[in-house]
Each structure stands twice: as C-alpha cells, then as structure tokens.
Amino acid sequence: MKEDTRRSIRELAYYSSLGLSIVLSIFIGLFAGIYLDATFGTRPVFTFVFLGLGIVAGFRNIFHAMNKLRKEDKDKKPDNKDG
C-alpha cells in the first residue's frame, strides 16, 4: 500500500473518531448531570453544569484536531523565504 493511501486512511479514521468523541463527551456530561441530580435532588442544576462541561470538552477536541491539522500542513509546506 502506498504511503499516501495509508496516511489518508489514518486521517479518515482519526476524523471519524473525532465526531464520535464529541458526541460521547456531550452524552457522558449529560448523563452524569442527570445521575447527580437524581442522587442529590437538585433537578436541573447538575444536568446543565455537566452538559455544559461536555459541550466544552467536545469543542476542546475540535480545537486540538484543528491544531494538529494546522501543524501537519505547516510541516508539509516548504519555506518560501527566497522570494
């Protein structure tokens, strides 16, 4: 298998798993908040707090993926300082 094909498959798998990790982080935060609200009887408080934390974690995953992609693009491009 060519190196370009391997790299493309690896990138496709990474970005596919990124979507899954975003959804999972939101649902884990939501269900943790629902569980804590049921345990302590504070109906919407922990649900909103942990849902917000899950959403923040999802955006953090997107931010890290963008930085990784930006770094890879920067490493691929040669420096054109000659003019």
Protein backbone atom coordinates (compact mmCIF):
# COMPACT_ATOMS: atom_id res chain seq x y z
CA MET A 1 0.00 0.00 0.00
CA LYS A 2 1.30 3.46 -0.86
CA GLU A 3 2.30 5.81 1.92
CA ASP A 4 -0.22 8.44 0.73
CA THR A 5 -3.04 5.90 0.89
CA ARG A 6 -2.03 4.83 4.38
CA ARG A 7 -1.89 8.42 5.53
CA SER A 8 -5.30 9.15 4.02
CA ILE A 9 -6.87 6.13 5.72
CA ARG A 10 -5.25 7.08 9.03
CA GLU A 11 -6.56 10.66 8.75
CA LEU A 12 -10.04 9.43 7.83
CA ALA A 13 -10.09 7.15 10.88
CA TYR A 14 -8.88 9.99 13.12
CA TYR A 15 -11.54 12.46 11.98
CA SER A 16 -14.27 9.82 12.14
CA SER A 17 -13.33 9.07 15.71
CA LEU A 18 -13.30 12.81 16.43
CA GLY A 19 -17.03 13.03 15.72
CA LEU A 20 -17.68 10.06 17.96
CA SER A 21 -15.62 11.55 20.79
CA ILE A 22 -17.55 14.83 20.56
CA VAL A 23 -20.91 13.07 20.81
CA LEU A 24 -19.70 10.84 23.64
CA SER A 25 -18.31 13.72 25.68
CA ILE A 26 -21.65 15.56 25.44
CA PHE A 27 -23.71 12.50 26.37
CA ILE A 28 -21.39 11.49 29.22
CA GLY A 29 -21.68 15.01 30.67
CA LEU A 30 -25.47 14.95 30.25
CA PHE A 31 -25.95 11.56 31.88
CA ALA A 32 -23.53 12.37 34.70
CA GLY A 33 -25.54 15.52 35.42
CA ILE A 34 -28.84 13.61 35.33
CA TYR A 35 -27.44 10.98 37.70
CA LEU A 36 -26.14 13.60 40.16
CA ASP A 37 -29.45 15.48 40.04
CA ALA A 38 -31.34 12.29 40.80
CA THR A 39 -28.95 11.47 43.64
CA PHE A 40 -28.97 14.88 45.33
CA GLY A 41 -32.44 16.06 44.33
CA THR A 42 -31.23 19.22 42.62
CA ARG A 43 -33.21 18.65 39.42
CA PRO A 44 -31.78 20.86 36.65
CA VAL A 45 -28.60 22.21 38.25
CA PHE A 46 -26.09 19.40 37.70
CA THR A 47 -27.65 18.49 34.36
CA PHE A 48 -26.95 21.94 32.94
CA VAL A 49 -23.49 22.17 34.52
CA PHE A 50 -22.31 18.80 33.26
CA LEU A 51 -23.96 19.25 29.87
CA GLY A 52 -22.01 22.50 29.54
CA LEU A 53 -18.81 20.72 30.55
CA GLY A 54 -19.48 18.02 27.96
CA ILE A 55 -20.00 20.62 25.24
CA VAL A 56 -16.79 22.38 26.26
CA ALA A 57 -14.94 19.06 26.11
CA GLY A 58 -16.35 18.45 22.62
CA PHE A 59 -15.17 21.85 21.39
CA ARG A 60 -11.80 21.19 23.01
CA ASN A 61 -11.50 18.04 20.90
CA ILE A 62 -12.27 20.07 17.76
CA PHE A 63 -9.69 22.69 18.76
CA HIS A 64 -6.99 20.05 19.24
CA ALA A 65 -7.84 18.45 15.88
CA MET A 66 -7.58 21.82 14.14
CA ASN A 67 -4.21 22.49 15.76
CA LYS A 68 -2.97 19.06 14.73
CA LEU A 69 -4.11 19.63 11.14
CA ARG A 70 -2.54 23.10 11.08
CA LYS A 71 0.76 21.71 12.39
CA GLU A 72 0.76 18.92 9.79
CA ASP A 73 0.05 21.42 7.00
CA LYS A 74 2.83 23.68 8.23
CA ASP A 75 5.27 20.74 8.33
CA LYS A 76 4.35 19.75 4.74
CA LYS A 77 4.83 23.20 3.18
CA PRO A 78 8.38 24.24 2.35
CA ASP A 79 9.51 27.67 3.49
CA ASN A 80 9.49 30.19 0.64
CA LYS A 81 11.88 32.73 2.12
CA ASP A 82 13.91 33.05 -1.08
CA GLY A 83 11.43 35.50 -2.53
